């Protein structure tokens, strides 16, 4: 039975969150399009491409008290004319050891269905706290 774009993206996002929590670079890479772009929330650093993002996550996972990031979608809007969708929601960064919320904000993500899988093409983050 075919899965709706919204459900497929929600499931992919849940898997991405689990991969971040468990420091699973392979699972993270599987959700990113090859040319995926991420613009960070606080300093607006641009990470261009899957390889650059995986290198950044590898450094993050090596930190003594790393931050675990979670994205929680509020809405997913599939395009009526192309195999793409816009996800918007809230994000948090929690200290792995302390459990304290260290940062939070809002995000938008653009997804595209490529070779049968919904992949992240771009993410933009805004730090609010």
C-alpha atoms as a PDB file:
ATOM      1  CA  UNK A   1       0.000   0.000   0.000  1.00  0.00           C
ATOM      2  CA  UNK A   2       1.492   3.397  -0.958  1.00  0.00           C
ATOM      3  CA  UNK A   3       2.388   5.735   1.869  1.00  0.00           C
ATOM      4  CA  UNK A   4       1.324   9.383   1.761  1.00  0.00           C
ATOM      5  CA  UNK A   5       4.162  11.901   1.405  1.00  0.00           C
ATOM      6  CA  UNK A   6       3.346  13.335   4.843  1.00  0.00           C
ATOM      7  CA  UNK A   7       3.515   9.964   6.587  1.00  0.00           C
ATOM      8  CA  UNK A   8       6.669   8.952   4.693  1.00  0.00           C
ATOM      9  CA  UNK A   9       8.410  12.208   5.663  1.00  0.00           C
ATOM     10  CA  UNK A  10       7.280  11.952   9.303  1.00  0.00           C
ATOM     11  CA  UNK A  11       8.691   8.419   9.429  1.00  0.00           C
ATOM     12  CA  UNK A  12      11.954   9.544   7.784  1.00  0.00           C
ATOM     13  CA  UNK A  13      12.239  12.434  10.261  1.00  0.00           C
ATOM     14  CA  UNK A  14      11.663  10.082  13.204  1.00  0.00           C
ATOM     15  CA  UNK A  15      14.425   7.840  11.860  1.00  0.00           C
ATOM     16  CA  UNK A  16      16.708  10.853  11.423  1.00  0.00           C
ATOM     17  CA  UNK A  17      16.063  11.885  15.052  1.00  0.00           C
ATOM     18  CA  UNK A  18      16.893   8.354  16.235  1.00  0.00           C
ATOM     19  CA  UNK A  19      20.078   8.413  14.143  1.00  0.00           C
ATOM     20  CA  UNK A  20      21.126  11.713  15.736  1.00  0.00           C
ATOM     21  CA  UNK A  21      20.477  10.355  19.234  1.00  0.00           C
ATOM     22  CA  UNK A  22      22.470   7.182  18.565  1.00  0.00           C
ATOM     23  CA  UNK A  23      25.242   8.892  16.546  1.00  0.00           C
ATOM     24  CA  UNK A  24      24.507   6.705  13.503  1.00  0.00           C
ATOM     25  CA  UNK A  25      26.233   8.439  10.593  1.00  0.00           C
ATOM     26  CA  UNK A  26      25.074   5.822   8.092  1.00  0.00           C
ATOM     27  CA  UNK A  27      21.422   6.356   8.956  1.00  0.00           C
ATOM     28  CA  UNK A  28      21.866  10.137   8.839  1.00  0.00           C
ATOM     29  CA  UNK A  29      23.489   9.948   5.413  1.00  0.00           C
ATOM     30  CA  UNK A  30      20.665   7.756   4.117  1.00  0.00           C
ATOM     31  CA  UNK A  31      18.155  10.601   4.664  1.00  0.00           C
ATOM     32  CA  UNK A  32      20.256  13.340   3.040  1.00  0.00           C
ATOM     33  CA  UNK A  33      20.280  14.068  -0.684  1.00  0.00           C
ATOM     34  CA  UNK A  34      23.797  14.241  -2.117  1.00  0.00           C
ATOM     35  CA  UNK A  35      23.673  18.020  -2.442  1.00  0.00           C
ATOM     36  CA  UNK A  36      21.755  18.679   0.778  1.00  0.00           C
ATOM     37  CA  UNK A  37      22.297  22.133   2.270  1.00  0.00           C
ATOM     38  CA  UNK A  38      21.978  22.998   5.966  1.00  0.00           C
ATOM     39  CA  UNK A  39      22.046  26.550   7.330  1.00  0.00           C
ATOM     40  CA  UNK A  40      22.633  26.499  11.085  1.00  0.00           C
ATOM     41  CA  UNK A  41      20.558  28.517  13.525  1.00  0.00           C
ATOM     42  CA  UNK A  42      22.963  30.599  15.577  1.00  0.00           C
ATOM     43  CA  UNK A  43      25.856  31.490  13.289  1.00  0.00           C
ATOM     44  CA  UNK A  44      24.204  30.777   9.911  1.00  0.00           C
ATOM     45  CA  UNK A  45      27.053  28.482   8.886  1.00  0.00           C
ATOM     46  CA  UNK A  46      26.337  26.766   5.571  1.00  0.00           C
ATOM     47  CA  UNK A  47      27.013  23.044   5.290  1.00  0.00           C
ATOM     48  CA  UNK A  48      26.806  22.128   1.612  1.00  0.00           C
ATOM     49  CA  UNK A  49      26.509  18.482   0.625  1.00  0.00           C
ATOM     50  CA  UNK A  50      25.970  15.196   2.412  1.00  0.00           C
ATOM     51  CA  UNK A  51      29.720  14.712   2.998  1.00  0.00           C
ATOM     52  CA  UNK A  52      30.117  18.101   4.721  1.00  0.00           C
ATOM     53  CA  UNK A  53      27.141  17.423   6.950  1.00  0.00           C
ATOM     54  CA  UNK A  54      28.380  13.975   7.935  1.00  0.00           C
ATOM     55  CA  UNK A  55      31.803  15.428   8.787  1.00  0.00           C
ATOM     56  CA  UNK A  56      30.125  18.035  11.015  1.00  0.00           C
ATOM     57  CA  UNK A  57      28.023  15.359  12.758  1.00  0.00           C
ATOM     58  CA  UNK A  58      31.114  13.195  13.264  1.00  0.00           C
ATOM     59  CA  UNK A  59      32.809  16.109  15.070  1.00  0.00           C
ATOM     60  CA  UNK A  60      29.652  16.748  17.120  1.00  0.00           C
ATOM     61  CA  UNK A  61      29.403  13.087  18.144  1.00  0.00           C
ATOM     62  CA  UNK A  62      33.038  13.121  19.340  1.00  0.00           C
ATOM     63  CA  UNK A  63      32.373  15.944  21.842  1.00  0.00           C
ATOM     64  CA  UNK A  64      32.746  15.012  25.519  1.00  0.00           C
ATOM     65  CA  UNK A  65      29.250  16.241  26.373  1.00  0.00           C
ATOM     66  CA  UNK A  66      27.582  16.312  23.021  1.00  0.00           C
ATOM     67  CA  UNK A  67      24.252  17.884  22.217  1.00  0.00           C
ATOM     68  CA  UNK A  68      21.405  15.686  21.003  1.00  0.00           C
ATOM     69  CA  UNK A  69      19.212  17.506  18.502  1.00  0.00           C
ATOM     70  CA  UNK A  70      15.577  16.653  17.851  1.00  0.00           C
ATOM     71  CA  UNK A  71      13.356  18.073  15.144  1.00  0.00           C
ATOM     72  CA  UNK A  72       9.594  17.938  15.762  1.00  0.00           C
ATOM     73  CA  UNK A  73       7.500  18.642  12.662  1.00  0.00           C
ATOM     74  CA  UNK A  74       4.378  20.793  13.046  1.00  0.00           C
ATOM     75  CA  UNK A  75       3.396  20.594   9.403  1.00  0.00           C
ATOM     76  CA  UNK A  76       4.373  18.887   6.175  1.00  0.00           C
ATOM     77  CA  UNK A  77       3.058  20.413   2.971  1.00  0.00           C
ATOM     78  CA  UNK A  78       3.454  18.211  -0.127  1.00  0.00           C
ATOM     79  CA  UNK A  79       3.690  20.035  -3.451  1.00  0.00           C
ATOM     80  CA  UNK A  80       0.677  19.413  -5.688  1.00  0.00           C
ATOM     81  CA  UNK A  81       2.852  19.613  -8.825  1.00  0.00           C
ATOM     82  CA  UNK A  82       6.153  17.889  -7.989  1.00  0.00           C
ATOM     83  CA  UNK A  83       7.586  15.161  -5.759  1.00  0.00           C
ATOM     84  CA  UNK A  84       8.721  17.566  -3.045  1.00  0.00           C
ATOM     85  CA  UNK A  85       7.411  18.843   0.293  1.00  0.00           C
ATOM     86  CA  UNK A  86       8.062  21.502   2.928  1.00  0.00           C
ATOM     87  CA  UNK A  87       8.386  20.485   6.573  1.00  0.00           C
ATOM     88  CA  UNK A  88       8.216  23.083   9.354  1.00  0.00           C
ATOM     89  CA  UNK A  89       8.550  22.616  13.077  1.00  0.00           C
ATOM     90  CA  UNK A  90      10.478  23.110  16.295  1.00  0.00           C
ATOM     91  CA  UNK A  91      13.951  21.871  17.201  1.00  0.00           C
ATOM     92  CA  UNK A  92      15.746  21.391  20.496  1.00  0.00           C
ATOM     93  CA  UNK A  93      19.328  20.647  21.476  1.00  0.00           C
ATOM     94  CA  UNK A  94      19.672  18.773  24.780  1.00  0.00           C
ATOM     95  CA  UNK A  95      22.895  18.017  26.636  1.00  0.00           C
ATOM     96  CA  UNK A  96      23.486  14.264  26.460  1.00  0.00           C
ATOM     97  CA  UNK A  97      24.793  14.141  30.016  1.00  0.00           C
ATOM     98  CA  UNK A  98      22.798  16.869  31.746  1.00  0.00           C
ATOM     99  CA  UNK A  99      19.502  16.493  29.894  1.00  0.00           C
ATOM    100  CA  UNK A 100      19.233  20.289  29.935  1.00  0.00           C
ATOM    101  CA  UNK A 101      17.852  22.118  26.908  1.00  0.00           C
ATOM    102  CA  UNK A 102      20.862  24.041  25.590  1.00  0.00           C
ATOM    103  CA  UNK A 103      19.247  25.602  22.524  1.00  0.00           C
ATOM    104  CA  UNK A 104      15.936  25.596  20.690  1.00  0.00           C
ATOM    105  CA  UNK A 105      14.131  27.208  17.811  1.00  0.00           C
ATOM    106  CA  UNK A 106      12.250  26.705  14.572  1.00  0.00           C
ATOM    107  CA  UNK A 107      13.209  25.055  11.283  1.00  0.00           C
ATOM    108  CA  UNK A 108      12.077  24.473   7.733  1.00  0.00           C
ATOM    109  CA  UNK A 109      13.154  21.535   5.609  1.00  0.00           C
ATOM    110  CA  UNK A 110      12.664  20.825   1.911  1.00  0.00           C
ATOM    111  CA  UNK A 111      12.252  17.188   0.968  1.00  0.00           C
ATOM    112  CA  UNK A 112      12.272  15.549  -2.479  1.00  0.00           C
ATOM    113  CA  UNK A 113      11.379  12.013  -3.497  1.00  0.00           C
ATOM    114  CA  UNK A 114      14.439  10.623  -5.260  1.00  0.00           C
ATOM    115  CA  UNK A 115      14.620   7.022  -6.515  1.00  0.00           C
ATOM    116  CA  UNK A 116      11.629   6.109  -4.349  1.00  0.00           C
ATOM    117  CA  UNK A 117      12.885   7.665  -1.089  1.00  0.00           C
ATOM    118  CA  UNK A 118      12.073  10.999   0.552  1.00  0.00           C
ATOM    119  CA  UNK A 119      15.379  12.827   1.123  1.00  0.00           C
ATOM    120  CA  UNK A 120      16.257  16.153   2.716  1.00  0.00           C
ATOM    121  CA  UNK A 121      17.482  18.695   0.147  1.00  0.00           C
ATOM    122  CA  UNK A 122      17.715  21.694   2.445  1.00  0.00           C
ATOM    123  CA  UNK A 123      17.241  22.749   6.045  1.00  0.00           C
ATOM    124  CA  UNK A 124      17.167  26.221   7.571  1.00  0.00           C
ATOM    125  CA  UNK A 125      17.313  26.763  11.333  1.00  0.00           C
ATOM    126  CA  UNK A 126      16.462  29.743  13.534  1.00  0.00           C
ATOM    127  CA  UNK A 127      17.704  29.786  17.134  1.00  0.00           C
ATOM    128  CA  UNK A 128      15.170  31.290  19.532  1.00  0.00           C
ATOM    129  CA  UNK A 129      16.488  30.178  22.901  1.00  0.00           C
END
